[in-house]
Amino acid sequence: MGNGTQVSNTIRRRRFERGEMTQQALADACGVTRQTVIALEAGRYAPSLELAFRIAHALGARVEEVFQWKGEERAEG
């Protein structure tokens, strides 16, 4: 499985849907570094529950619209 996480996200797409919000603007809105946003978008890092809520709020979405747990697919099969 590599170094990724079981959590996928739509952060990059949603940033662009919100007037091309920059990684830095999202980071500032959530109280994290731009490097954290980069790692999240690349799937190398799963956020804490609190950070997931902050990101969703900043993107004007619900947590489950921004983050998906890929483990569900394997659990059902």
PDB file of N, CA and C in Angstrom:
ATOM      1  N   MET A   1       0.820  -1.191   0.000  1.00  0.00           N
ATOM      2  CA  MET A   1       0.000   0.000   0.000  1.00  0.00           C
ATOM      3  C   MET A   1       0.861   1.252   0.000  1.00  0.00           C
ATOM      4  N   GLY A   2       2.096   1.335   0.157  1.00  0.00           N
ATOM      5  CA  GLY A   2       2.863   2.579   0.079  1.00  0.00           C
ATOM      6  C   GLY A   2       2.737   3.438   1.323  1.00  0.00           C
ATOM      7  N   ASN A   3       3.096   4.702   1.199  1.00  0.00           N
ATOM      8  CA  ASN A   3       3.117   5.606   2.339  1.00  0.00           C
ATOM      9  C   ASN A   3       1.845   6.422   2.493  1.00  0.00           C
ATOM     10  N   GLY A   4       0.831   6.149   1.705  1.00  0.00           N
ATOM     11  CA  GLY A   4      -0.391   6.941   1.745  1.00  0.00           C
ATOM     12  C   GLY A   4      -1.256   6.608   2.947  1.00  0.00           C
ATOM     13  N   THR A   5      -2.447   7.141   2.919  1.00  0.00           N
ATOM     14  CA  THR A   5      -3.409   6.940   3.999  1.00  0.00           C
ATOM     15  C   THR A   5      -4.689   6.364   3.418  1.00  0.00           C
ATOM     16  N   GLN A   6      -5.526   5.810   4.269  1.00  0.00           N
ATOM     17  CA  GLN A   6      -6.823   5.287   3.831  1.00  0.00           C
ATOM     18  C   GLN A   6      -7.855   6.394   3.634  1.00  0.00           C
ATOM     19  N   VAL A   7      -7.465   7.641   3.919  1.00  0.00           N
ATOM     20  CA  VAL A   7      -8.375   8.768   3.773  1.00  0.00           C
ATOM     21  C   VAL A   7      -8.063   9.515   2.483  1.00  0.00           C
ATOM     22  N   SER A   8      -9.054   9.624   1.604  1.00  0.00           N
ATOM     23  CA  SER A   8      -8.890  10.417   0.390  1.00  0.00           C
ATOM     24  C   SER A   8      -9.657  11.727   0.578  1.00  0.00           C
ATOM     25  N   ASN A   9      -9.409  12.684  -0.307  1.00  0.00           N
ATOM     26  CA  ASN A   9     -10.086  13.973  -0.148  1.00  0.00           C
ATOM     27  C   ASN A   9     -10.251  14.681  -1.482  1.00  0.00           C
ATOM     28  N   THR A  10     -11.093  15.707  -1.449  1.00  0.00           N
ATOM     29  CA  THR A  10     -11.362  16.525  -2.631  1.00  0.00           C
ATOM     30  C   THR A  10     -10.922  17.971  -2.388  1.00  0.00           C
ATOM     31  N   ILE A  11      -9.911  18.154  -1.550  1.00  0.00           N
ATOM     32  CA  ILE A  11      -9.481  19.504  -1.173  1.00  0.00           C
ATOM     33  C   ILE A  11      -9.077  20.322  -2.397  1.00  0.00           C
ATOM     34  N   ARG A  12      -8.225  19.776  -3.236  1.00  0.00           N
ATOM     35  CA  ARG A  12      -7.733  20.539  -4.390  1.00  0.00           C
ATOM     36  C   ARG A  12      -8.879  21.010  -5.288  1.00  0.00           C
ATOM     37  N   ARG A  13      -9.776  20.094  -5.628  1.00  0.00           N
ATOM     38  CA  ARG A  13     -10.904  20.454  -6.499  1.00  0.00           C
ATOM     39  C   ARG A  13     -11.769  21.524  -5.834  1.00  0.00           C
ATOM     40  N   ARG A  14     -12.046  21.369  -4.556  1.00  0.00           N
ATOM     41  CA  ARG A  14     -12.890  22.330  -3.854  1.00  0.00           C
ATOM     42  C   ARG A  14     -12.220  23.693  -3.702  1.00  0.00           C
ATOM     43  N   ARG A  15     -10.899  23.723  -3.570  1.00  0.00           N
ATOM     44  CA  ARG A  15     -10.205  25.019  -3.529  1.00  0.00           C
ATOM     45  C   ARG A  15     -10.446  25.777  -4.826  1.00  0.00           C
ATOM     46  N   PHE A  16     -10.356  25.072  -5.942  1.00  0.00           N
ATOM     47  CA  PHE A  16     -10.549  25.732  -7.237  1.00  0.00           C
ATOM     48  C   PHE A  16     -11.998  26.127  -7.460  1.00  0.00           C
ATOM     49  N   GLU A  17     -12.928  25.364  -6.910  1.00  0.00           N
ATOM     50  CA  GLU A  17     -14.344  25.720  -7.009  1.00  0.00           C
ATOM     51  C   GLU A  17     -14.656  26.971  -6.197  1.00  0.00           C
ATOM     52  N   ARG A  18     -13.824  27.288  -5.226  1.00  0.00           N
ATOM     53  CA  ARG A  18     -14.031  28.479  -4.389  1.00  0.00           C
ATOM     54  C   ARG A  18     -13.143  29.626  -4.869  1.00  0.00           C
ATOM     55  N   GLY A  19     -13.172  29.877  -6.154  1.00  0.00           N
ATOM     56  CA  GLY A  19     -12.430  31.004  -6.710  1.00  0.00           C
ATOM     57  C   GLY A  19     -10.930  30.804  -6.697  1.00  0.00           C
ATOM     58  N   GLU A  20     -10.498  29.560  -6.918  1.00  0.00           N
ATOM     59  CA  GLU A  20      -9.074  29.239  -6.947  1.00  0.00           C
ATOM     60  C   GLU A  20      -8.365  29.650  -5.662  1.00  0.00           C
ATOM     61  N   MET A  21      -8.955  29.304  -4.531  1.00  0.00           N
ATOM     62  CA  MET A  21      -8.343  29.531  -3.221  1.00  0.00           C
ATOM     63  C   MET A  21      -6.954  28.888  -3.216  1.00  0.00           C
ATOM     64  N   THR A  22      -5.970  29.616  -2.756  1.00  0.00           N
ATOM     65  CA  THR A  22      -4.607  29.073  -2.737  1.00  0.00           C
ATOM     66  C   THR A  22      -4.423  28.122  -1.567  1.00  0.00           C
ATOM     67  N   GLN A  23      -3.386  27.304  -1.668  1.00  0.00           N
ATOM     68  CA  GLN A  23      -3.037  26.427  -0.548  1.00  0.00           C
ATOM     69  C   GLN A  23      -2.736  27.266   0.688  1.00  0.00           C
ATOM     70  N   GLN A  24      -2.061  28.380   0.502  1.00  0.00           N
ATOM     71  CA  GLN A  24      -1.712  29.237   1.632  1.00  0.00           C
ATOM     72  C   GLN A  24      -2.956  29.836   2.281  1.00  0.00           C
ATOM     73  N   ALA A  25      -3.914  30.269   1.470  1.00  0.00           N
ATOM     74  CA  ALA A  25      -5.152  30.835   2.024  1.00  0.00           C
ATOM     75  C   ALA A  25      -5.903  29.788   2.842  1.00  0.00           C
ATOM     76  N   LEU A  26      -5.957  28.557   2.356  1.00  0.00           N
ATOM     77  CA  LEU A  26      -6.614  27.487   3.105  1.00  0.00           C
ATOM     78  C   LEU A  26      -5.846  27.198   4.389  1.00  0.00           C
ATOM     79  N   ALA A  27      -4.531  27.134   4.277  1.00  0.00           N
ATOM     80  CA  ALA A  27      -3.696  26.893   5.465  1.00  0.00           C
ATOM     81  C   ALA A  27      -3.932  27.967   6.517  1.00  0.00           C
ATOM     82  N   ASP A  28      -3.949  29.225   6.099  1.00  0.00           N
ATOM     83  CA  ASP A  28      -4.171  30.335   7.029  1.00  0.00           C
ATOM     84  C   ASP A  28      -5.545  30.231   7.693  1.00  0.00           C
ATOM     85  N   ALA A  29      -6.558  29.872   6.905  1.00  0.00           N
ATOM     86  CA  ALA A  29      -7.914  29.770   7.425  1.00  0.00           C
ATOM     87  C   ALA A  29      -8.054  28.637   8.448  1.00  0.00           C
ATOM     88  N   CYS A  30      -7.176  27.642   8.338  1.00  0.00           N
ATOM     89  CA  CYS A  30      -7.269  26.466   9.203  1.00  0.00           C
ATOM     90  C   CYS A  30      -6.215  26.428  10.301  1.00  0.00           C
ATOM     91  N   GLY A  31      -5.289  27.375  10.283  1.00  0.00           N
ATOM     92  CA  GLY A  31      -4.264  27.414  11.317  1.00  0.00           C
ATOM     93  C   GLY A  31      -3.181  26.368  11.158  1.00  0.00           C
ATOM     94  N   VAL A  32      -2.880  26.000   9.904  1.00  0.00           N
ATOM     95  CA  VAL A  32      -1.807  25.040   9.632  1.00  0.00           C
ATOM     96  C   VAL A  32      -0.840  25.638   8.614  1.00  0.00           C
ATOM     97  N   THR A  33       0.212  24.916   8.310  1.00  0.00           N
ATOM     98  CA  THR A  33       1.174  25.395   7.317  1.00  0.00           C
ATOM     99  C   THR A  33       0.746  24.969   5.912  1.00  0.00           C
ATOM    100  N   ARG A  34       1.283  25.644   4.927  1.00  0.00           N
ATOM    101  CA  ARG A  34       1.023  25.270   3.530  1.00  0.00           C
ATOM    102  C   ARG A  34       1.506  23.849   3.280  1.00  0.00           C
ATOM    103  N   GLN A  35       2.621  23.460   3.924  1.00  0.00           N
ATOM    104  CA  GLN A  35       3.151  22.100   3.755  1.00  0.00           C
ATOM    105  C   GLN A  35       2.138  21.050   4.214  1.00  0.00           C
ATOM    106  N   THR A  36       1.355  21.365   5.239  1.00  0.00           N
ATOM    107  CA  THR A  36       0.319  20.440   5.696  1.00  0.00           C
ATOM    108  C   THR A  36      -0.750  20.274   4.619  1.00  0.00           C
ATOM    109  N   VAL A  37      -1.156  21.384   4.003  1.00  0.00           N
ATOM    110  CA  VAL A  37      -2.155  21.316   2.930  1.00  0.00           C
ATOM    111  C   VAL A  37      -1.613  20.501   1.757  1.00  0.00           C
ATOM    112  N   ILE A  38      -0.344  20.713   1.410  1.00  0.00           N
ATOM    113  CA  ILE A  38       0.285  19.950   0.319  1.00  0.00           C
ATOM    114  C   ILE A  38       0.237  18.453   0.626  1.00  0.00           C
ATOM    115  N   ALA A  39       0.607  18.070   1.854  1.00  0.00           N
ATOM    116  CA  ALA A  39       0.608  16.659   2.240  1.00  0.00           C
ATOM    117  C   ALA A  39      -0.800  16.074   2.230  1.00  0.00           C
ATOM    118  N   LEU A  40      -1.783  16.855   2.674  1.00  0.00           N
ATOM    119  CA  LEU A  40      -3.173  16.397   2.643  1.00  0.00           C
ATOM    120  C   LEU A  40      -3.631  16.145   1.214  1.00  0.00           C
ATOM    121  N   GLU A  41      -3.392  17.107   0.336  1.00  0.00           N
ATOM    122  CA  GLU A  41      -3.836  16.976  -1.056  1.00  0.00           C
ATOM    123  C   GLU A  41      -3.172  15.788  -1.750  1.00  0.00           C
ATOM    124  N   ALA A  42      -1.935  15.499  -1.374  1.00  0.00           N
ATOM    125  CA  ALA A  42      -1.202  14.394  -1.992  1.00  0.00           C
ATOM    126  C   ALA A  42      -1.581  13.037  -1.396  1.00  0.00           C
ATOM    127  N   GLY A  43      -2.411  13.045  -0.353  1.00  0.00           N
ATOM    128  CA  GLY A  43      -2.816  11.795   0.262  1.00  0.00           C
ATOM    129  C   GLY A  43      -1.758  11.183   1.165  1.00  0.00           C
ATOM    130  N   ARG A  44      -0.785  11.984   1.577  1.00  0.00           N
ATOM    131  CA  ARG A  44       0.286  11.477   2.442  1.00  0.00           C
ATOM    132  C   ARG A  44      -0.024  11.662   3.919  1.00  0.00           C
ATOM    133  N   TYR A  45      -1.117  12.337   4.226  1.00  0.00           N
ATOM    134  CA  TYR A  45      -1.415  12.694   5.604  1.00  0.00           C
ATOM    135  C   TYR A  45      -2.915  12.714   5.806  1.00  0.00           C
ATOM    136  N   ALA A  46      -3.384  12.096   6.893  1.00  0.00           N
ATOM    137  CA  ALA A  46      -4.797  12.151   7.262  1.00  0.00           C
ATOM    138  C   ALA A  46      -4.941  13.158   8.392  1.00  0.00           C
ATOM    139  N   PRO A  47      -5.860  14.094   8.275  1.00  0.00           N
ATOM    140  CA  PRO A  47      -5.996  15.132   9.301  1.00  0.00           C
ATOM    141  C   PRO A  47      -6.643  14.605  10.573  1.00  0.00           C
ATOM    142  N   SER A  48      -6.435  15.326  11.655  1.00  0.00           N
ATOM    143  CA  SER A  48      -7.194  15.047  12.877  1.00  0.00           C
ATOM    144  C   SER A  48      -8.656  15.380  12.579  1.00  0.00           C
ATOM    145  N   LEU A  49      -9.524  14.905  13.423  1.00  0.00           N
ATOM    146  CA  LEU A  49     -10.945  15.199  13.236  1.00  0.00           C
ATOM    147  C   LEU A  49     -11.189  16.702  13.301  1.00  0.00           C
ATOM    148  N   GLU A  50     -10.542  17.377  14.246  1.00  0.00           N
ATOM    149  CA  GLU A  50     -10.709  18.823  14.365  1.00  0.00           C
ATOM    150  C   GLU A  50     -10.254  19.546  13.104  1.00  0.00           C
ATOM    151  N   LEU A  51      -9.099  19.162  12.571  1.00  0.00           N
ATOM    152  CA  LEU A  51      -8.599  19.807  11.355  1.00  0.00           C
ATOM    153  C   LEU A  51      -9.518  19.507  10.173  1.00  0.00           C
ATOM    154  N   ALA A  52     -10.040  18.294  10.098  1.00  0.00           N
ATOM    155  CA  ALA A  52     -10.973  17.948   9.016  1.00  0.00           C
ATOM    156  C   ALA A  52     -12.186  18.877   9.039  1.00  0.00           C
ATOM    157  N   PHE A  53     -12.713  19.149  10.240  1.00  0.00           N
ATOM    158  CA  PHE A  53     -13.842  20.063  10.350  1.00  0.00           C
ATOM    159  C   PHE A  53     -13.447  21.481   9.948  1.00  0.00           C
ATOM    160  N   ARG A  54     -12.257  21.927  10.359  1.00  0.00           N
ATOM    161  CA  ARG A  54     -11.806  23.275   9.992  1.00  0.00           C
ATOM    162  C   ARG A  54     -11.657  23.412   8.480  1.00  0.00           C
ATOM    163  N   ILE A  55     -11.086  22.404   7.849  1.00  0.00           N
ATOM    164  CA  ILE A  55     -10.906  22.434   6.393  1.00  0.00           C
ATOM    165  C   ILE A  55     -12.258  22.469   5.691  1.00  0.00           C
ATOM    166  N   ALA A  56     -13.162  21.588   6.100  1.00  0.00           N
ATOM    167  CA  ALA A  56     -14.493  21.554   5.483  1.00  0.00           C
ATOM    168  C   ALA A  56     -15.191  22.901   5.628  1.00  0.00           C
ATOM    169  N   HIS A  57     -15.125  23.475   6.815  1.00  0.00           N
ATOM    170  CA  HIS A  57     -15.754  24.781   7.054  1.00  0.00           C
ATOM    171  C   HIS A  57     -15.148  25.842   6.132  1.00  0.00           C
ATOM    172  N   ALA A  58     -13.826  25.864   6.020  1.00  0.00           N
ATOM    173  CA  ALA A  58     -13.157  26.852   5.173  1.00  0.00           C
ATOM    174  C   ALA A  58     -13.538  26.679   3.702  1.00  0.00           C
ATOM    175  N   LEU A  59     -13.861  25.440   3.319  1.00  0.00           N
ATOM    176  CA  LEU A  59     -14.231  25.158   1.934  1.00  0.00           C
ATOM    177  C   LEU A  59     -15.744  25.218   1.714  1.00  0.00           C
ATOM    178  N   GLY A  60     -16.489  25.540   2.760  1.00  0.00           N
ATOM    179  CA  GLY A  60     -17.945  25.643   2.635  1.00  0.00           C
ATOM    180  C   GLY A  60     -18.627  24.324   2.360  1.00  0.00           C
ATOM    181  N   ALA A  61     -18.104  23.253   2.958  1.00  0.00           N
ATOM    182  CA  ALA A  61     -18.640  21.916   2.704  1.00  0.00           C
ATOM    183  C   ALA A  61     -18.755  21.137   4.007  1.00  0.00           C
ATOM    184  N   ARG A  62     -19.415  19.983   3.927  1.00  0.00           N
ATOM    185  CA  ARG A  62     -19.474  19.076   5.072  1.00  0.00           C
ATOM    186  C   ARG A  62     -18.237  18.189   5.055  1.00  0.00           C
ATOM    187  N   VAL A  63     -17.851  17.691   6.212  1.00  0.00           N
ATOM    188  CA  VAL A  63     -16.653  16.856   6.319  1.00  0.00           C
ATOM    189  C   VAL A  63     -16.709  15.683   5.333  1.00  0.00           C
ATOM    190  N   GLU A  64     -17.862  15.017   5.260  1.00  0.00           N
ATOM    191  CA  GLU A  64     -17.962  13.841   4.387  1.00  0.00           C
ATOM    192  C   GLU A  64     -17.956  14.203   2.908  1.00  0.00           C
ATOM    193  N   GLU A  65     -18.142  15.466   2.577  1.00  0.00           N
ATOM    194  CA  GLU A  65     -18.023  15.902   1.187  1.00  0.00           C
ATOM    195  C   GLU A  65     -16.561  16.121   0.808  1.00  0.00           C
ATOM    196  N   VAL A  66     -15.730  16.400   1.799  1.00  0.00           N
ATOM    197  CA  VAL A  66     -14.308  16.687   1.550  1.00  0.00           C
ATOM    198  C   VAL A  66     -13.446  15.449   1.744  1.00  0.00           C
ATOM    199  N   PHE A  67     -13.780  14.631   2.750  1.00  0.00           N
ATOM    200  CA  PHE A  67     -12.961  13.460   3.084  1.00  0.00           C
ATOM    201  C   PHE A  67     -13.757  12.168   2.932  1.00  0.00           C
ATOM    202  N   GLN A  68     -13.097  11.143   2.388  1.00  0.00           N
ATOM    203  CA  GLN A  68     -13.699   9.829   2.235  1.00  0.00           C
ATOM    204  C   GLN A  68     -12.721   8.802   2.803  1.00  0.00           C
ATOM    205  N   TRP A  69     -13.275   7.785   3.457  1.00  0.00           N
ATOM    206  CA  TRP A  69     -12.444   6.722   4.013  1.00  0.00           C
ATOM    207  C   TRP A  69     -12.442   5.545   3.056  1.00  0.00           C
ATOM    208  N   LYS A  70     -11.290   5.279   2.448  1.00  0.00           N
ATOM    209  CA  LYS A  70     -11.178   4.197   1.474  1.00  0.00           C
ATOM    210  C   LYS A  70     -11.283   2.820   2.122  1.00  0.00           C
ATOM    211  N   GLY A  71     -11.086   2.728   3.413  1.00  0.00           N
ATOM    212  CA  GLY A  71     -11.177   1.450   4.119  1.00  0.00           C
ATOM    213  C   GLY A  71     -12.558   0.836   4.039  1.00  0.00           C
ATOM    214  N   GLU A  72     -13.593   1.663   3.842  1.00  0.00           N
ATOM    215  CA  GLU A  72     -14.963   1.147   3.742  1.00  0.00           C
ATOM    216  C   GLU A  72     -15.108   0.172   2.583  1.00  0.00           C
ATOM    217  N   GLU A  73     -14.437   0.456   1.484  1.00  0.00           N
ATOM    218  CA  GLU A  73     -14.558  -0.393   0.293  1.00  0.00           C
ATOM    219  C   GLU A  73     -14.062  -1.795   0.587  1.00  0.00           C
ATOM    220  N   ARG A  74     -12.949  -1.911   1.312  1.00  0.00           N
ATOM    221  CA  ARG A  74     -12.390  -3.217   1.622  1.00  0.00           C
ATOM    222  C   ARG A  74     -13.185  -3.938   2.703  1.00  0.00           C
ATOM    223  N   ALA A  75     -13.754  -3.190   3.648  1.00  0.00           N
ATOM    224  CA  ALA A  75     -14.501  -3.793   4.757  1.00  0.00           C
ATOM    225  C   ALA A  75     -15.759  -4.497   4.242  1.00  0.00           C
ATOM    226  N   GLU A  76     -16.364  -3.942   3.186  1.00  0.00           N
ATOM    227  CA  GLU A  76     -17.598  -4.529   2.658  1.00  0.00           C
ATOM    228  C   GLU A  76     -17.337  -5.744   1.789  1.00  0.00           C
ATOM    229  N   GLY A  77     -16.133  -5.855   1.213  1.00  0.00           N
ATOM    230  CA  GLY A  77     -15.840  -6.917   0.258  1.00  0.00           C
ATOM    231  C   GLY A  77     -15.411  -8.142   0.868  1.00  0.00           C
TER     232      GLY A  77
END
